[in-house]
N, C-alpha and C. Protein backbone atom coordinates (compact mmCIF):
# COMPACT_ATOMS: atom_id res chain seq x y z
N MET A 1 0.82 -1.19 0.00
CA MET A 1 0.00 0.00 0.00
C MET A 1 0.86 1.26 0.00
N LEU A 2 1.96 1.27 0.76
CA LEU A 2 2.80 2.45 0.84
C LEU A 2 3.40 2.81 -0.52
N ALA A 3 3.81 1.83 -1.28
CA ALA A 3 4.43 2.11 -2.58
C ALA A 3 3.49 2.89 -3.49
N GLY A 4 2.21 2.66 -3.41
CA GLY A 4 1.25 3.37 -4.24
C GLY A 4 0.96 4.79 -3.76
N ARG A 5 1.50 5.15 -2.63
CA ARG A 5 1.24 6.48 -2.07
C ARG A 5 2.50 7.34 -2.01
N GLN A 6 3.65 6.79 -2.31
CA GLN A 6 4.89 7.55 -2.31
C GLN A 6 5.12 8.17 -3.67
N CYS A 7 5.75 9.33 -3.67
CA CYS A 7 6.07 10.01 -4.92
C CYS A 7 7.50 10.53 -4.82
N TYR A 8 8.25 10.41 -5.89
CA TYR A 8 9.63 10.88 -5.92
C TYR A 8 9.83 11.82 -7.10
N LEU A 9 10.56 12.87 -6.87
CA LEU A 9 10.97 13.79 -7.92
C LEU A 9 12.41 13.44 -8.25
N LEU A 10 12.67 13.14 -9.52
CA LEU A 10 13.99 12.67 -9.92
C LEU A 10 14.71 13.68 -10.78
N GLU A 11 16.01 13.78 -10.59
CA GLU A 11 16.86 14.55 -11.48
C GLU A 11 17.02 13.72 -12.75
N ALA A 12 17.40 14.34 -13.85
CA ALA A 12 17.46 13.67 -15.15
C ALA A 12 18.10 12.28 -15.10
N PRO A 13 19.25 12.07 -14.47
CA PRO A 13 19.83 10.72 -14.47
C PRO A 13 19.13 9.73 -13.54
N GLY A 14 18.04 10.13 -12.92
CA GLY A 14 17.28 9.22 -12.06
C GLY A 14 17.60 9.33 -10.59
N LYS A 15 18.35 10.33 -10.20
CA LYS A 15 18.69 10.54 -8.78
C LYS A 15 17.51 11.22 -8.08
N PRO A 16 17.00 10.63 -6.99
CA PRO A 16 15.91 11.27 -6.25
C PRO A 16 16.36 12.60 -5.63
N ILE A 17 15.56 13.65 -5.84
CA ILE A 17 15.88 14.96 -5.26
C ILE A 17 14.72 15.50 -4.43
N GLY A 18 13.59 14.80 -4.45
CA GLY A 18 12.43 15.22 -3.67
C GLY A 18 11.52 14.05 -3.43
N THR A 19 10.71 14.17 -2.40
CA THR A 19 9.77 13.10 -2.07
C THR A 19 8.55 13.64 -1.34
N GLY A 20 7.52 12.87 -1.34
CA GLY A 20 6.31 13.18 -0.59
C GLY A 20 5.43 11.94 -0.59
N ALA A 21 4.36 11.98 0.18
CA ALA A 21 3.45 10.85 0.23
C ALA A 21 2.01 11.35 0.22
N ALA A 22 1.16 10.61 -0.45
CA ALA A 22 -0.28 10.85 -0.48
C ALA A 22 -0.88 9.83 0.49
N TRP A 23 -1.07 10.23 1.70
CA TRP A 23 -1.49 9.35 2.76
C TRP A 23 -2.98 9.48 3.01
N PHE A 24 -3.48 9.01 4.12
CA PHE A 24 -4.89 9.12 4.44
C PHE A 24 -5.07 9.19 5.94
N LYS A 25 -6.21 9.64 6.35
CA LYS A 25 -6.59 9.69 7.76
C LYS A 25 -8.04 9.28 7.82
N GLU A 26 -8.31 8.19 8.47
CA GLU A 26 -9.68 7.67 8.52
C GLU A 26 -10.64 8.61 9.24
N SER A 27 -10.12 9.38 10.22
CA SER A 27 -11.00 10.29 10.93
C SER A 27 -10.25 11.57 11.29
N PHE A 28 -10.33 12.54 10.41
CA PHE A 28 -9.78 13.87 10.66
C PHE A 28 -10.96 14.84 10.62
N GLU A 29 -11.15 15.57 11.68
CA GLU A 29 -12.30 16.47 11.79
C GLU A 29 -13.62 15.72 11.54
N GLY A 30 -13.66 14.45 11.96
CA GLY A 30 -14.88 13.66 11.86
C GLY A 30 -15.17 13.07 10.50
N ALA A 31 -14.22 13.14 9.57
CA ALA A 31 -14.44 12.60 8.22
C ALA A 31 -13.15 11.96 7.71
N ARG A 32 -13.26 11.26 6.61
CA ARG A 32 -12.09 10.63 5.97
C ARG A 32 -11.44 11.64 5.04
N PHE A 33 -10.16 11.88 5.23
CA PHE A 33 -9.40 12.83 4.43
C PHE A 33 -8.16 12.18 3.85
N GLY A 34 -7.75 12.64 2.69
CA GLY A 34 -6.42 12.33 2.20
C GLY A 34 -5.46 13.26 2.91
N ARG A 35 -4.20 12.86 2.97
CA ARG A 35 -3.20 13.67 3.66
C ARG A 35 -1.94 13.78 2.82
N ILE A 36 -1.51 14.99 2.60
CA ILE A 36 -0.19 15.21 1.99
C ILE A 36 0.80 15.12 3.13
N HIS A 37 1.76 14.23 2.99
CA HIS A 37 2.68 13.97 4.09
C HIS A 37 4.12 14.01 3.60
N TRP A 38 4.94 14.64 4.37
CA TRP A 38 6.39 14.64 4.16
C TRP A 38 6.81 15.11 2.78
N VAL A 39 6.54 16.36 2.48
CA VAL A 39 7.00 16.97 1.23
C VAL A 39 8.41 17.50 1.49
N ALA A 40 9.38 17.04 0.72
CA ALA A 40 10.76 17.45 0.95
C ALA A 40 11.53 17.49 -0.36
N ILE A 41 12.34 18.53 -0.49
CA ILE A 41 13.26 18.68 -1.63
C ILE A 41 14.66 18.82 -1.04
N LEU A 42 15.65 18.15 -1.62
CA LEU A 42 17.02 18.30 -1.13
C LEU A 42 17.41 19.78 -1.12
N PRO A 43 18.13 20.21 -0.08
CA PRO A 43 18.46 21.64 0.05
C PRO A 43 19.09 22.27 -1.19
N GLU A 44 19.96 21.56 -1.85
CA GLU A 44 20.64 22.13 -3.03
C GLU A 44 19.70 22.32 -4.22
N PHE A 45 18.50 21.76 -4.16
CA PHE A 45 17.52 21.91 -5.24
C PHE A 45 16.34 22.80 -4.85
N GLN A 46 16.34 23.29 -3.61
CA GLN A 46 15.26 24.15 -3.16
C GLN A 46 15.34 25.53 -3.82
N GLY A 47 14.20 26.20 -3.90
CA GLY A 47 14.14 27.54 -4.48
C GLY A 47 14.07 27.54 -5.99
N ARG A 48 13.87 26.41 -6.61
CA ARG A 48 13.80 26.31 -8.07
C ARG A 48 12.38 26.02 -8.58
N GLY A 49 11.40 26.04 -7.67
CA GLY A 49 10.03 25.77 -8.08
C GLY A 49 9.72 24.30 -8.26
N LEU A 50 10.56 23.43 -7.73
CA LEU A 50 10.37 21.99 -7.93
C LEU A 50 9.29 21.39 -7.03
N ALA A 51 8.95 22.07 -5.95
CA ALA A 51 7.91 21.54 -5.07
C ALA A 51 6.54 21.60 -5.74
N LYS A 52 6.37 22.51 -6.69
CA LYS A 52 5.07 22.64 -7.36
C LYS A 52 4.71 21.37 -8.14
N PRO A 53 5.59 20.84 -8.99
CA PRO A 53 5.21 19.58 -9.68
C PRO A 53 5.06 18.41 -8.70
N LEU A 54 5.85 18.41 -7.63
CA LEU A 54 5.72 17.36 -6.64
C LEU A 54 4.35 17.43 -5.97
N MET A 55 3.94 18.62 -5.55
CA MET A 55 2.62 18.79 -4.94
C MET A 55 1.50 18.45 -5.92
N THR A 56 1.68 18.81 -7.18
CA THR A 56 0.67 18.48 -8.19
C THR A 56 0.48 16.97 -8.28
N MET A 57 1.57 16.24 -8.31
CA MET A 57 1.48 14.78 -8.39
C MET A 57 0.85 14.19 -7.12
N LEU A 58 1.20 14.73 -5.97
CA LEU A 58 0.63 14.22 -4.72
C LEU A 58 -0.87 14.47 -4.66
N CYS A 59 -1.30 15.65 -5.05
CA CYS A 59 -2.74 15.96 -5.05
C CYS A 59 -3.49 15.08 -6.05
N ARG A 60 -2.90 14.86 -7.21
CA ARG A 60 -3.53 13.96 -8.19
C ARG A 60 -3.62 12.54 -7.65
N ARG A 61 -2.56 12.13 -6.96
CA ARG A 61 -2.56 10.78 -6.41
C ARG A 61 -3.64 10.63 -5.35
N LEU A 62 -3.83 11.64 -4.51
CA LEU A 62 -4.92 11.60 -3.54
C LEU A 62 -6.25 11.40 -4.24
N ARG A 63 -6.47 12.18 -5.30
CA ARG A 63 -7.72 12.07 -6.05
C ARG A 63 -7.86 10.68 -6.66
N ASP A 64 -6.78 10.18 -7.27
CA ASP A 64 -6.82 8.85 -7.88
C ASP A 64 -7.12 7.74 -6.86
N LEU A 65 -6.73 7.98 -5.62
CA LEU A 65 -6.96 7.01 -4.56
C LEU A 65 -8.34 7.16 -3.92
N GLY A 66 -9.14 8.08 -4.47
CA GLY A 66 -10.52 8.22 -4.01
C GLY A 66 -10.76 9.28 -2.95
N HIS A 67 -9.76 10.10 -2.68
CA HIS A 67 -9.95 11.17 -1.69
C HIS A 67 -10.49 12.41 -2.38
N ASP A 68 -11.57 12.97 -1.84
CA ASP A 68 -12.12 14.19 -2.44
C ASP A 68 -11.76 15.43 -1.62
N ARG A 69 -11.00 15.25 -0.56
CA ARG A 69 -10.51 16.37 0.23
C ARG A 69 -9.22 15.93 0.91
N GLY A 70 -8.40 16.92 1.22
CA GLY A 70 -7.11 16.60 1.82
C GLY A 70 -6.68 17.64 2.83
N TYR A 71 -5.68 17.27 3.60
CA TYR A 71 -5.10 18.20 4.56
C TYR A 71 -3.61 17.90 4.66
N LEU A 72 -2.91 18.80 5.31
CA LEU A 72 -1.50 18.62 5.61
C LEU A 72 -1.19 19.39 6.86
N THR A 73 -0.05 19.12 7.43
CA THR A 73 0.43 19.88 8.58
C THR A 73 1.82 20.40 8.24
N THR A 74 2.17 21.51 8.87
CA THR A 74 3.49 22.08 8.67
C THR A 74 3.82 22.97 9.85
N ALA A 75 5.03 23.44 9.90
CA ALA A 75 5.46 24.35 10.96
C ALA A 75 5.33 25.79 10.49
N ALA A 76 5.02 26.68 11.39
CA ALA A 76 4.83 28.10 11.07
C ALA A 76 6.09 28.73 10.48
N GLU A 77 7.25 28.17 10.76
CA GLU A 77 8.51 28.71 10.25
C GLU A 77 8.75 28.38 8.78
N ARG A 78 8.01 27.46 8.23
CA ARG A 78 8.23 27.01 6.85
C ARG A 78 7.45 27.89 5.87
N LEU A 79 7.81 29.16 5.84
CA LEU A 79 7.05 30.14 5.06
C LEU A 79 6.98 29.82 3.57
N PRO A 80 8.07 29.44 2.90
CA PRO A 80 7.93 29.08 1.48
C PRO A 80 6.97 27.91 1.25
N ALA A 81 7.01 26.93 2.13
CA ALA A 81 6.10 25.78 2.01
C ALA A 81 4.66 26.23 2.22
N ILE A 82 4.43 27.07 3.22
CA ILE A 82 3.07 27.55 3.49
C ILE A 82 2.53 28.31 2.29
N LYS A 83 3.36 29.14 1.70
CA LYS A 83 2.94 29.91 0.52
C LYS A 83 2.53 28.95 -0.61
N LEU A 84 3.30 27.90 -0.81
CA LEU A 84 2.96 26.90 -1.83
C LEU A 84 1.65 26.21 -1.50
N TYR A 85 1.48 25.80 -0.26
CA TYR A 85 0.25 25.10 0.13
C TYR A 85 -0.98 25.98 -0.06
N LEU A 86 -0.84 27.26 0.26
CA LEU A 86 -1.96 28.19 0.05
C LEU A 86 -2.30 28.29 -1.43
N ARG A 87 -1.28 28.30 -2.29
CA ARG A 87 -1.51 28.36 -3.74
C ARG A 87 -2.25 27.12 -4.24
N PHE A 88 -2.06 26.01 -3.55
CA PHE A 88 -2.74 24.76 -3.93
C PHE A 88 -4.14 24.66 -3.33
N GLY A 89 -4.57 25.70 -2.64
CA GLY A 89 -5.93 25.72 -2.12
C GLY A 89 -6.09 25.25 -0.69
N PHE A 90 -5.01 24.88 -0.04
CA PHE A 90 -5.10 24.51 1.36
C PHE A 90 -5.33 25.79 2.16
N VAL A 91 -6.13 25.70 3.19
CA VAL A 91 -6.45 26.85 4.02
C VAL A 91 -6.16 26.51 5.49
N PRO A 92 -5.84 27.51 6.28
CA PRO A 92 -5.56 27.24 7.70
C PRO A 92 -6.78 26.70 8.42
N LEU A 93 -6.53 25.78 9.31
CA LEU A 93 -7.58 25.27 10.20
C LEU A 93 -7.42 26.04 11.51
N ILE A 94 -8.34 26.94 11.74
CA ILE A 94 -8.25 27.81 12.91
C ILE A 94 -9.36 27.42 13.88
N ARG A 95 -8.94 26.91 15.03
CA ARG A 95 -9.90 26.45 16.04
C ARG A 95 -9.99 27.40 17.23
N THR A 96 -8.90 28.12 17.50
CA THR A 96 -8.84 28.96 18.70
C THR A 96 -8.31 30.35 18.36
N GLY A 97 -8.42 31.24 19.31
CA GLY A 97 -7.84 32.56 19.15
C GLY A 97 -6.34 32.52 19.00
N VAL A 98 -5.69 31.57 19.66
CA VAL A 98 -4.23 31.39 19.52
C VAL A 98 -3.90 31.00 18.08
N ASP A 99 -4.66 30.05 17.52
CA ASP A 99 -4.47 29.66 16.12
C ASP A 99 -4.59 30.87 15.21
N GLU A 100 -5.62 31.66 15.43
CA GLU A 100 -5.85 32.83 14.58
C GLU A 100 -4.69 33.81 14.68
N SER A 101 -4.21 34.05 15.88
CA SER A 101 -3.09 34.96 16.08
C SER A 101 -1.84 34.45 15.38
N GLN A 102 -1.55 33.16 15.51
CA GLN A 102 -0.38 32.57 14.85
C GLN A 102 -0.50 32.67 13.34
N TRP A 103 -1.68 32.41 12.81
CA TRP A 103 -1.86 32.49 11.37
C TRP A 103 -1.78 33.92 10.87
N ARG A 104 -2.29 34.86 11.62
CA ARG A 104 -2.16 36.27 11.23
C ARG A 104 -0.68 36.65 11.16
N ASN A 105 0.11 36.16 12.10
CA ASN A 105 1.54 36.43 12.11
C ASN A 105 2.21 35.82 10.87
N VAL A 106 1.88 34.58 10.56
CA VAL A 106 2.44 33.92 9.37
C VAL A 106 2.05 34.68 8.10
N MET A 107 0.78 35.03 8.00
CA MET A 107 0.29 35.73 6.81
C MET A 107 0.95 37.11 6.67
N ASP A 108 1.16 37.80 7.79
CA ASP A 108 1.86 39.09 7.76
C ASP A 108 3.27 38.91 7.20
N LYS A 109 3.95 37.87 7.64
CA LYS A 109 5.32 37.58 7.17
C LYS A 109 5.32 37.30 5.67
N LEU A 110 4.24 36.71 5.17
CA LEU A 110 4.13 36.39 3.75
C LEU A 110 3.58 37.57 2.94
N GLY A 111 3.18 38.62 3.62
CA GLY A 111 2.59 39.76 2.92
C GLY A 111 1.19 39.48 2.43
N LEU A 112 0.49 38.59 3.11
CA LEU A 112 -0.87 38.20 2.73
C LEU A 112 -1.83 38.59 3.84
N THR A 113 -3.11 38.54 3.56
CA THR A 113 -4.12 38.90 4.54
C THR A 113 -4.98 37.70 4.85
N LEU A 114 -5.21 37.47 6.13
CA LEU A 114 -6.10 36.41 6.57
C LEU A 114 -7.47 37.04 6.79
N PHE A 115 -8.48 36.51 6.12
CA PHE A 115 -9.82 37.04 6.30
C PHE A 115 -10.81 35.90 6.31
N TRP A 116 -11.96 36.14 6.85
CA TRP A 116 -13.03 35.15 6.91
C TRP A 116 -14.00 35.44 5.79
N GLY A 117 -14.31 34.40 5.00
CA GLY A 117 -15.21 34.57 3.87
C GLY A 117 -16.64 34.33 4.20
């Protein structure tokens, strides 16, 4: 099962330079969700826009595996990753005032605005 959920980004000669997994969670927020897990690009290849095709493949894989919604977790310090995840349509899960404050801080650092629709 794991092999069908792993994804690798390869350099031309076949050397792995990035990885991620399209995982699942049987009960997240009371429902079944797909999960983007462990998105990583080798440091020497970061900053080249390579996470975008990796995320595209992971999201497609979630859909192919029957997930119609997904989530991921990350650290507030990972600003480039957060910016990418927001571009892919992921939105913050804000449960408390502390969450909201932390997200406002992250969004300020990114030059973005957090608002309720």
